[in-house]
Amino acid sequence: MNVRVLALAFLMIATPLMAKKKQKQDLFPDGTPVPAWFSETARVNTENLGKRYVLTDYGVVNDSTVLQTEAIQKVIDKVAKDGGGVVVVPSGTYLSGSLFFPQGVNLYLEADAVLKGSDRIRDFKLHTTRMEGQTLKYFAALVNADGVDGFTIAGKGTINGNGYNYWEEFWIRRQMNRQCTNLEAMRPRLVYISNSRNVTVQDVHLVNSPFWTNHLYKCEYVRYLDCTILAPTSGLKAPSSDAIDIDVCKNVLVKGCYMSVNDDAVVLKGGKGTWADQDPNNGPNSNIIIEDCTYGKSHGCLTLGSESIHNRNVILRRCKFKDTNRVLWLKMRPDTPQHYEYVTIEDVEGECDKFLVVRPWTQFYKEEKRDDKPLSTCHHILIKGAKVKSKNFFDVGKSDKYQMRDFTFENCEVEDEAEAFNKTLIDNCVTKGLKINGDGY
């Protein structure tokens, strides 16, 4: 009897452990384990980040017409001097130019709070920064953090870029000069975080950016959790209002966000030009996961390029999209050595103009002579479990500037107006359970 009791007790203990052991390990596309960090999606409790400094307690006034950059920066600097804490933007609207958050200083926006950017470029500091795959002199963002560990932006309030006048000027310039570049139409970004680790941006509304909305450069362990990222896609459109630009970063999670912008949503950057892979300011992106997100309008749900040299282990999964232009867009610059590998699109569904696009990208490029320039490649691209209604599911073109190989389409159900799927365009293109308009491939 005692033996039976002992055996039963052993089974009660061992069975859950065995079941746990059998749970499928989450892997990146190249087969390496996804670090446990990617599962740590609990909110940062800002109450644990130190003393709270409410702007209005330190002379900042609730007035959307008064520029208060200096007053707000003084509060930020006081928090840093006191040893760190949280700058709280209370209910109301507060107008500012570029703000800089040093180590230990975090930002919290109450539900009815708006940190609003100035619509005059003179209110943004001109300094050395990163922009469009280059290190150069350009304007700071509204919210800036460089070289920090543990920076958090939280709360259900809004960071509003107030971009209308910038957008209007941009389109006037483009009307006068079709070759006018983004950098010539001077516009600040909304949030720029560089050379930093353990960053969390959670719950906030990031809207109406004059230029890119969020830009990460040389960062590790960054989480965007349940954020809303918006810019106008009709009427006076917001040019180049990318939702999140990931530039030379490792271990980035974008989870539960809603994105609708007048350009690409999540974009991988890293450098551009014939010698881009030789520049120490440039570099790869790796271990990027975008999951459980919803897309409104965007040019691309996940875009690699146009300023990008090496991206590896990228996952877009369990996402929904509606009225987006493209889902996966691989921009191939003829002037830049590019290497896109181990990218997975899994369990996504929705409507789009185009699902997969691989084409040369020739806007504002300049190729120089380089005898040892590597051939660009796209390989080990997996599209699995997609349920799609599209105008053109497969917009792919060959080029002598790049090679495509090892693409897999698995268990996908597709409605496709173009019916342009052609696996012969890609070396070793594998189909398993791919159905297009009811036909198996």
Protein backbone atom coordinates (compact mmCIF):
# COMPACT_ATOMS: atom_id res chain seq x y z
CA MET A 1 0.00 0.00 0.00
CA ASN A 2 2.80 2.40 0.91
CA VAL A 3 4.56 1.54 -2.34
CA ARG A 4 1.45 2.45 -4.32
CA VAL A 5 1.11 5.75 -2.48
CA LEU A 6 4.74 6.57 -3.13
CA ALA A 7 4.37 5.68 -6.81
CA LEU A 8 1.28 7.84 -7.12
CA ALA A 9 3.03 10.75 -5.42
CA PHE A 10 5.97 10.37 -7.79
CA LEU A 11 3.68 10.48 -10.82
CA MET A 12 1.90 13.57 -9.50
CA ILE A 13 5.23 15.36 -9.22
CA ALA A 14 6.89 13.98 -12.34
CA THR A 15 4.02 14.37 -14.83
CA PRO A 16 3.91 18.22 -14.78
CA LEU A 17 7.69 18.31 -14.99
CA MET A 18 7.67 15.96 -17.98
CA ALA A 19 4.93 17.97 -19.67
CA LYS A 20 6.87 21.15 -19.09
CA LYS A 21 9.96 19.53 -20.55
CA LYS A 22 8.02 18.56 -23.65
CA GLN A 23 6.83 22.11 -24.32
CA LYS A 24 8.13 23.28 -27.65
CA GLN A 25 11.14 25.52 -27.37
CA ASP A 26 10.63 28.88 -29.07
CA LEU A 27 13.30 29.19 -31.73
CA PHE A 28 14.56 31.88 -34.03
CA PRO A 29 14.45 31.07 -37.76
CA ASP A 30 18.07 29.90 -37.74
CA GLY A 31 17.26 27.37 -35.01
CA THR A 32 18.83 29.16 -32.05
CA PRO A 33 16.69 29.47 -28.89
CA VAL A 34 14.71 32.67 -28.33
CA PRO A 35 16.01 34.14 -25.05
CA ALA A 36 13.62 34.08 -22.08
CA TRP A 37 13.74 37.89 -22.11
CA PHE A 38 11.27 37.93 -25.01
CA SER A 39 8.64 36.34 -22.75
CA GLU A 40 9.08 38.94 -20.03
CA THR A 41 6.23 41.20 -21.14
CA ALA A 42 4.95 42.43 -17.78
CA ARG A 43 4.61 46.18 -17.54
CA VAL A 44 7.27 48.24 -15.83
CA ASN A 45 5.79 49.52 -12.59
CA THR A 46 6.79 53.17 -12.65
CA GLU A 47 6.11 53.41 -8.91
CA ASN A 48 9.33 51.43 -8.50
CA LEU A 49 11.43 53.81 -10.58
CA GLY A 50 11.93 56.43 -7.90
CA LYS A 51 10.42 59.74 -6.90
CA ARG A 52 7.80 61.25 -9.20
CA TYR A 53 8.34 64.82 -10.36
CA VAL A 54 5.11 66.34 -11.70
CA LEU A 55 5.93 69.08 -14.22
CA THR A 56 3.38 71.54 -12.87
CA ASP A 57 4.95 71.35 -9.40
CA TYR A 58 8.10 72.88 -10.86
CA GLY A 59 6.78 75.88 -12.77
CA VAL A 60 5.70 74.24 -16.03
CA VAL A 61 2.23 75.47 -17.01
CA ASN A 62 -0.64 73.77 -18.83
CA ASP A 63 -0.68 75.93 -21.95
CA SER A 64 -0.42 74.55 -25.48
CA THR A 65 0.64 77.94 -26.86
CA VAL A 66 3.70 78.58 -24.66
CA LEU A 67 7.01 76.97 -25.56
CA GLN A 68 8.43 75.41 -22.38
CA THR A 69 11.47 73.46 -23.53
CA GLU A 70 13.81 75.08 -21.02
CA ALA A 71 11.44 74.69 -18.07
CA ILE A 72 10.77 71.02 -18.82
CA GLN A 73 14.47 70.28 -19.34
CA LYS A 74 15.21 71.85 -15.95
CA VAL A 75 12.86 69.36 -14.31
CA ILE A 76 14.54 66.50 -16.19
CA ASP A 77 17.98 67.73 -15.08
CA LYS A 78 16.81 68.08 -11.48
CA VAL A 79 15.62 64.47 -11.46
CA ALA A 80 19.03 63.36 -12.72
CA LYS A 81 20.84 65.47 -10.12
CA ASP A 82 18.66 64.03 -7.36
CA GLY A 83 19.63 60.50 -8.34
CA GLY A 84 16.89 59.55 -10.77
CA GLY A 85 13.12 59.11 -10.86
CA VAL A 86 10.13 59.76 -13.07
CA VAL A 87 9.15 62.96 -14.86
CA VAL A 88 5.34 63.05 -14.86
CA VAL A 89 3.42 64.93 -17.53
CA PRO A 90 0.04 65.61 -15.89
CA SER A 91 -3.31 66.21 -17.57
CA GLY A 92 -3.04 69.07 -20.07
CA THR A 93 -0.92 70.06 -23.06
CA TYR A 94 2.72 71.11 -22.82
CA LEU A 95 4.61 72.53 -25.82
CA SER A 96 8.30 71.77 -26.20
CA GLY A 97 11.29 71.49 -28.46
CA SER A 98 13.94 68.79 -28.09
CA LEU A 99 14.26 67.21 -24.62
CA PHE A 100 17.13 65.00 -23.42
CA PHE A 101 16.73 62.25 -20.83
CA PRO A 102 19.95 61.20 -19.05
CA GLN A 103 20.58 58.01 -17.08
CA GLY A 104 17.97 57.27 -14.41
CA VAL A 105 15.30 59.66 -15.65
CA ASN A 106 12.06 58.16 -16.96
CA LEU A 107 8.95 59.63 -18.55
CA TYR A 108 5.33 59.04 -17.54
CA LEU A 109 2.33 60.60 -19.26
CA GLU A 110 -1.03 60.62 -17.49
CA ALA A 111 -4.07 59.56 -19.51
CA ASP A 112 -5.09 63.08 -20.53
CA ALA A 113 -1.55 64.41 -20.85
CA VAL A 114 -0.06 65.63 -24.13
CA LEU A 115 3.60 66.40 -24.67
CA LYS A 116 3.40 68.40 -27.86
CA GLY A 117 6.26 69.19 -30.20
CA SER A 118 6.94 72.66 -31.49
CA ASP A 119 6.11 73.26 -35.15
CA ARG A 120 9.27 75.37 -35.58
CA ILE A 121 12.46 73.54 -36.45
CA ARG A 122 14.55 76.19 -34.66
CA ASP A 123 13.30 74.70 -31.37
CA PHE A 124 15.14 71.42 -32.01
CA LYS A 125 18.85 71.11 -31.33
CA LEU A 126 21.11 70.58 -34.34
CA HIS A 127 23.76 68.00 -33.44
CA THR A 128 25.52 64.84 -34.59
CA THR A 129 22.97 62.06 -34.81
CA ARG A 130 21.87 59.17 -37.01
CA MET A 131 19.46 59.56 -39.91
CA GLU A 132 18.63 57.47 -42.99
CA GLY A 133 21.60 55.12 -42.61
CA GLN A 134 24.10 57.93 -42.06
CA THR A 135 25.84 59.59 -39.13
CA LEU A 136 25.53 63.32 -39.69
CA LYS A 137 24.44 66.68 -38.37
CA TYR A 138 20.69 66.74 -38.06
CA PHE A 139 17.96 67.80 -35.69
CA ALA A 140 17.28 66.09 -32.40
CA ALA A 141 13.92 64.44 -31.79
CA LEU A 142 11.29 65.68 -29.37
CA VAL A 143 12.24 62.96 -26.85
CA ASN A 144 15.89 61.85 -26.83
CA ALA A 145 17.85 59.36 -24.72
CA ASP A 146 21.44 58.35 -25.38
CA GLY A 147 23.69 55.93 -23.52
CA VAL A 148 21.15 54.99 -20.88
CA ASP A 149 20.21 51.72 -19.19
CA GLY A 150 16.63 51.07 -18.11
CA PHE A 151 14.90 54.05 -19.72
CA THR A 152 11.10 53.79 -19.60
CA ILE A 153 8.35 55.77 -21.34
CA ALA A 154 4.97 54.82 -19.88
CA GLY A 155 1.40 55.91 -19.28
CA LYS A 156 -1.69 56.21 -21.45
CA GLY A 157 -1.01 59.80 -22.47
CA THR A 158 0.20 61.14 -25.81
CA ILE A 159 3.43 62.36 -27.36
CA ASN A 160 2.18 64.48 -30.25
CA GLY A 161 4.66 65.62 -32.89
CA ASN A 162 2.39 68.41 -34.12
CA GLY A 163 3.58 67.69 -37.64
CA TYR A 164 1.08 69.52 -39.84
CA ASN A 165 3.29 72.48 -40.81
CA TYR A 166 6.28 70.21 -41.45
CA TRP A 167 4.24 67.94 -43.72
CA GLU A 168 2.83 70.90 -45.60
CA GLU A 169 6.31 72.31 -46.23
CA PHE A 170 7.59 68.91 -47.36
CA TRP A 171 4.89 68.49 -49.99
CA ILE A 172 5.41 72.04 -51.24
CA ARG A 173 9.13 71.30 -51.64
CA ARG A 174 8.37 68.05 -53.48
CA GLN A 175 5.99 69.89 -55.78
CA MET A 176 8.72 72.37 -56.66
CA ASN A 177 11.51 69.78 -56.82
CA ARG A 178 10.73 66.09 -57.27
CA GLN A 179 14.28 65.22 -56.19
CA CYS A 180 13.93 66.94 -52.82
CA THR A 181 15.11 64.48 -50.16
CA ASN A 182 13.77 63.90 -46.67
CA LEU A 183 16.79 65.57 -45.12
CA GLU A 184 16.34 68.72 -47.15
CA ALA A 185 12.85 69.20 -45.76
CA MET A 186 13.95 69.83 -42.17
CA ARG A 187 11.82 67.84 -39.73
CA PRO A 188 12.41 66.35 -36.28
CA ARG A 189 11.61 62.79 -35.26
CA LEU A 190 9.32 62.08 -32.33
CA VAL A 191 11.42 59.66 -30.20
CA TYR A 192 15.11 58.82 -30.69
CA ILE A 193 16.86 56.35 -28.39
CA SER A 194 20.51 55.47 -29.05
CA ASN A 195 23.34 53.42 -27.54
CA SER A 196 20.99 52.17 -24.82
CA ARG A 197 19.86 48.96 -23.12
CA ASN A 198 16.81 47.65 -21.30
CA VAL A 199 14.38 50.17 -22.73
CA THR A 200 10.60 49.90 -22.40
CA VAL A 201 7.99 52.02 -24.17
CA GLN A 202 4.54 50.95 -22.99
CA ASP A 203 0.90 51.99 -23.46
CA VAL A 204 1.60 55.48 -24.83
CA HIS A 205 0.11 57.12 -27.91
CA LEU A 206 2.80 58.32 -30.33
CA VAL A 207 1.16 60.45 -32.99
CA ASN A 208 1.64 63.03 -35.74
CA SER A 209 5.40 62.82 -35.98
CA PRO A 210 6.97 65.31 -38.41
CA PHE A 211 9.38 62.57 -39.59
CA TRP A 212 10.11 59.04 -38.31
CA THR A 213 8.03 58.32 -35.21
CA ASN A 214 10.40 56.07 -33.23
CA HIS A 215 14.07 55.55 -34.06
CA LEU A 216 16.32 53.09 -32.22
CA TYR A 217 20.05 53.15 -32.93
CA LYS A 218 22.61 50.73 -31.49
CA CYS A 219 20.25 49.55 -28.78
CA GLU A 220 19.75 46.17 -27.09
CA TYR A 221 16.78 44.74 -25.22
CA VAL A 222 14.08 47.18 -26.24
CA ARG A 223 10.35 46.52 -25.76
CA TYR A 224 7.41 48.36 -27.31
CA LEU A 225 4.30 47.08 -25.51
CA ASP A 226 0.71 47.96 -26.47
CA CYS A 227 1.56 51.34 -27.96
CA THR A 228 -0.60 53.19 -30.48
CA ILE A 229 1.41 54.76 -33.30
CA LEU A 230 -0.47 56.98 -35.73
CA ALA A 231 0.13 59.51 -38.50
CA PRO A 232 -2.27 60.78 -41.19
CA THR A 233 -2.58 58.57 -44.26
CA SER A 234 -5.13 60.71 -46.10
CA GLY A 235 -5.72 64.41 -46.63
CA LEU A 236 -2.41 66.08 -45.80
CA LYS A 237 -0.36 62.90 -45.43
CA ALA A 238 2.56 62.58 -43.01
CA PRO A 239 5.61 61.81 -45.22
CA SER A 240 8.14 59.26 -43.93
CA SER A 241 6.29 58.82 -40.65
CA ASP A 242 7.67 55.29 -40.09
CA ALA A 243 6.27 53.75 -36.91
CA ILE A 244 9.46 52.11 -35.54
CA ASP A 245 12.87 52.26 -37.22
CA ILE A 246 15.31 49.67 -35.86
CA ASP A 247 18.86 50.67 -36.76
CA VAL A 248 21.84 48.45 -35.78
CA CYS A 249 20.00 46.82 -32.87
CA LYS A 250 19.77 43.43 -31.17
CA ASN A 251 16.93 41.88 -29.18
CA VAL A 252 13.92 44.06 -29.90
CA LEU A 253 10.31 43.13 -29.14
CA VAL A 254 7.29 44.94 -30.60
CA LYS A 255 4.18 43.43 -29.03
CA GLY A 256 0.49 44.29 -29.04
CA CYS A 257 0.92 47.60 -30.83
CA TYR A 258 -1.44 49.30 -33.28
CA MET A 259 0.33 51.02 -36.16
CA SER A 260 -1.11 53.13 -38.97
CA VAL A 261 1.29 55.54 -40.65
CA ASN A 262 2.03 57.08 -44.02
CA ASP A 263 5.14 54.99 -44.65
CA ASP A 264 6.52 51.69 -43.40
CA ALA A 265 5.55 50.39 -39.97
CA VAL A 266 8.43 48.35 -38.52
CA VAL A 267 11.57 49.04 -40.55
CA LEU A 268 15.06 47.57 -40.26
CA LYS A 269 17.84 50.02 -41.03
CA GLY A 270 21.62 49.82 -40.73
CA GLY A 271 23.47 51.75 -43.42
CA LYS A 272 23.54 52.49 -47.12
CA GLY A 273 26.00 52.95 -49.95
CA THR A 274 28.59 50.91 -51.79
CA TRP A 275 30.94 50.86 -48.78
CA ALA A 276 28.26 50.67 -46.09
CA ASP A 277 29.55 47.37 -44.69
CA GLN A 278 32.95 48.98 -44.01
CA ASP A 279 31.60 51.86 -41.88
CA PRO A 280 31.78 51.20 -38.10
CA ASN A 281 28.74 53.42 -37.56
CA ASN A 282 26.70 50.89 -39.55
CA GLY A 283 25.86 47.33 -38.69
CA PRO A 284 23.37 44.46 -38.49
CA ASN A 285 20.04 43.93 -36.79
CA SER A 286 19.34 40.59 -35.16
CA ASN A 287 16.77 38.91 -32.95
CA ILE A 288 13.77 41.07 -33.79
CA ILE A 289 10.24 39.86 -32.93
CA ILE A 290 7.01 41.63 -33.88
CA GLU A 291 3.97 39.83 -32.50
CA ASP A 292 0.28 40.26 -31.72
CA CYS A 293 0.18 43.62 -33.49
CA THR A 294 -2.54 45.18 -35.62
CA TYR A 295 -1.85 47.30 -38.69
CA GLY A 296 -4.03 49.90 -40.30
CA LYS A 297 -2.56 51.60 -43.34
CA SER A 298 1.17 51.37 -43.93
CA HIS A 299 3.51 50.99 -46.88
CA GLY A 300 4.96 47.84 -45.30
CA CYS A 301 4.15 45.91 -42.13
CA LEU A 302 7.76 44.68 -41.99
CA THR A 303 10.32 46.31 -44.26
CA LEU A 304 13.99 45.45 -44.58
CA GLY A 305 15.72 48.48 -46.08
CA SER A 306 16.04 50.75 -47.80
CA GLU A 307 19.10 51.66 -45.70
CA SER A 308 20.03 48.22 -44.44
CA ILE A 309 23.01 45.90 -44.79
CA HIS A 310 22.43 42.76 -42.67
CA ASN A 311 19.30 41.47 -40.92
CA ARG A 312 19.09 38.04 -39.29
CA ASN A 313 16.51 36.25 -37.16
CA VAL A 314 13.45 38.38 -37.71
CA ILE A 315 9.95 37.17 -36.84
CA LEU A 316 6.55 38.69 -37.59
CA ARG A 317 3.80 36.54 -36.07
CA ARG A 318 0.18 36.52 -34.95
CA CYS A 319 -0.46 39.91 -36.53
CA LYS A 320 -3.48 41.28 -38.38
CA PHE A 321 -3.53 43.87 -41.13
CA LYS A 322 -6.12 45.74 -43.13
CA ASP A 323 -5.69 48.04 -46.09
CA THR A 324 -1.91 47.87 -45.90
CA ASN A 325 0.24 48.12 -49.04
CA ARG A 326 2.72 45.32 -48.33
CA VAL A 327 3.29 42.79 -45.56
CA LEU A 328 6.94 41.77 -46.11
CA TRP A 329 8.99 44.16 -48.22
CA LEU A 330 12.61 43.37 -49.01
CA LYS A 331 14.07 46.54 -50.49
CA MET A 332 17.16 45.72 -52.53
CA ARG A 333 19.45 48.70 -53.11
CA PRO A 334 21.72 48.21 -56.15
CA ASP A 335 24.37 50.44 -54.53
CA THR A 336 24.52 48.61 -51.17
CA PRO A 337 25.73 45.12 -50.17
CA GLN A 338 22.71 43.61 -48.38
CA HIS A 339 22.19 40.32 -46.61
CA TYR A 340 18.68 39.42 -45.44
CA GLU A 341 18.46 36.00 -43.83
CA TYR A 342 16.27 33.87 -41.58
CA VAL A 343 13.07 35.87 -41.69
CA THR A 344 9.76 34.25 -40.69
CA ILE A 345 6.22 35.51 -41.26
CA GLU A 346 3.86 33.23 -39.34
CA ASP A 347 0.14 33.06 -38.49
CA VAL A 348 -0.77 36.44 -39.96
CA GLU A 349 -4.03 37.39 -41.60
CA GLY A 350 -5.73 40.23 -43.39
CA GLU A 351 -6.07 42.25 -46.57
CA CYS A 352 -3.24 43.90 -48.46
CA ASP A 353 -2.29 45.18 -51.88
CA LYS A 354 0.84 43.02 -51.98
CA PHE A 355 2.04 40.39 -49.54
CA LEU A 356 5.66 39.65 -50.47
CA VAL A 357 7.69 42.21 -52.40
CA VAL A 358 11.31 41.72 -53.46
CA ARG A 359 12.39 44.41 -55.92
CA PRO A 360 15.30 46.77 -56.56
CA TRP A 361 15.02 50.03 -54.60
CA THR A 362 16.47 52.89 -56.61
CA GLN A 363 15.23 56.05 -54.93
CA PHE A 364 18.11 58.43 -54.15
CA TYR A 365 20.87 55.88 -54.60
CA LYS A 366 24.37 56.29 -55.93
CA GLU A 367 26.53 53.33 -56.86
CA GLU A 368 30.30 53.66 -56.71
CA LYS A 369 32.92 51.39 -58.23
CA ARG A 370 33.94 48.56 -55.89
CA ASP A 371 35.58 45.43 -57.26
CA ASP A 372 35.06 43.33 -54.11
CA LYS A 373 31.46 44.32 -53.44
CA PRO A 374 29.57 41.24 -52.16
CA LEU A 375 26.50 40.05 -54.03
CA SER A 376 23.36 40.86 -52.05
CA THR A 377 21.30 37.89 -50.89
CA CYS A 378 17.88 37.03 -49.44
CA HIS A 379 17.64 33.51 -48.06
CA HIS A 380 15.79 31.32 -45.60
CA ILE A 381 12.58 33.30 -45.79
CA LEU A 382 9.61 31.36 -44.35
CA ILE A 383 5.96 32.34 -44.83
CA LYS A 384 3.77 30.01 -42.81
CA GLY A 385 0.12 29.92 -41.78
CA ALA A 386 -0.86 33.11 -43.62
CA LYS A 387 -4.50 33.81 -44.46
CA VAL A 388 -4.42 36.57 -47.02
CA LYS A 389 -6.63 38.47 -49.42
CA SER A 390 -4.38 40.38 -51.81
CA LYS A 391 -4.18 42.11 -55.15
CA ASN A 392 -0.72 40.62 -55.70
CA PHE A 393 0.54 38.01 -53.25
CA PHE A 394 3.90 37.50 -54.95
CA ASP A 395 5.52 40.67 -56.31
CA VAL A 396 9.03 39.35 -56.88
CA GLY A 397 11.61 40.25 -59.50
CA LYS A 398 15.04 38.84 -60.29
CA SER A 399 18.15 41.00 -60.67
CA ASP A 400 21.85 40.53 -61.31
CA LYS A 401 22.40 42.65 -58.19
CA TYR A 402 20.99 40.08 -55.74
CA GLN A 403 20.31 36.40 -55.25
CA MET A 404 17.15 34.83 -53.77
CA ARG A 405 17.16 31.28 -52.40
CA ASP A 406 15.57 29.00 -49.83
CA PHE A 407 12.12 30.54 -49.59
CA THR A 408 9.34 28.38 -48.10
CA PHE A 409 5.57 28.91 -48.31
CA GLU A 410 3.80 26.58 -45.89
CA ASN A 411 0.10 26.08 -45.08
CA CYS A 412 -1.06 29.41 -46.51
CA GLU A 413 -4.53 30.23 -47.79
CA VAL A 414 -4.45 33.04 -50.31
CA GLU A 415 -6.94 34.97 -52.40
CA ASP A 416 -4.90 36.63 -55.11
CA GLU A 417 -6.08 38.82 -57.97
CA ALA A 418 -2.76 38.83 -59.84
CA GLU A 419 -2.10 35.08 -59.69
CA ALA A 420 1.58 35.87 -60.26
CA PHE A 421 3.13 33.22 -58.02
CA ASN A 422 6.19 31.78 -59.76
CA LYS A 423 8.50 29.66 -57.64
CA THR A 424 11.07 29.40 -60.46
CA LEU A 425 12.14 32.99 -59.73
CA ILE A 426 13.72 31.80 -56.46
CA ASP A 427 16.37 29.11 -56.10
CA ASN A 428 15.07 26.25 -53.96
CA CYS A 429 11.61 27.70 -53.41
CA VAL A 430 9.55 25.14 -51.47
CA THR A 431 5.76 25.01 -51.16
CA LYS A 432 3.89 22.88 -48.62
CA GLY A 433 0.15 23.26 -48.40
CA LEU A 434 0.09 26.58 -50.25
CA LYS A 435 -3.33 27.31 -51.72
CA ILE A 436 -3.91 30.27 -54.01
CA ASN A 437 -7.53 30.84 -55.07
CA GLY A 438 -8.27 27.27 -54.01
CA ASP A 439 -5.52 25.71 -56.13
CA GLY A 440 -2.67 23.82 -54.48
CA TYR A 441 0.96 24.61 -55.19
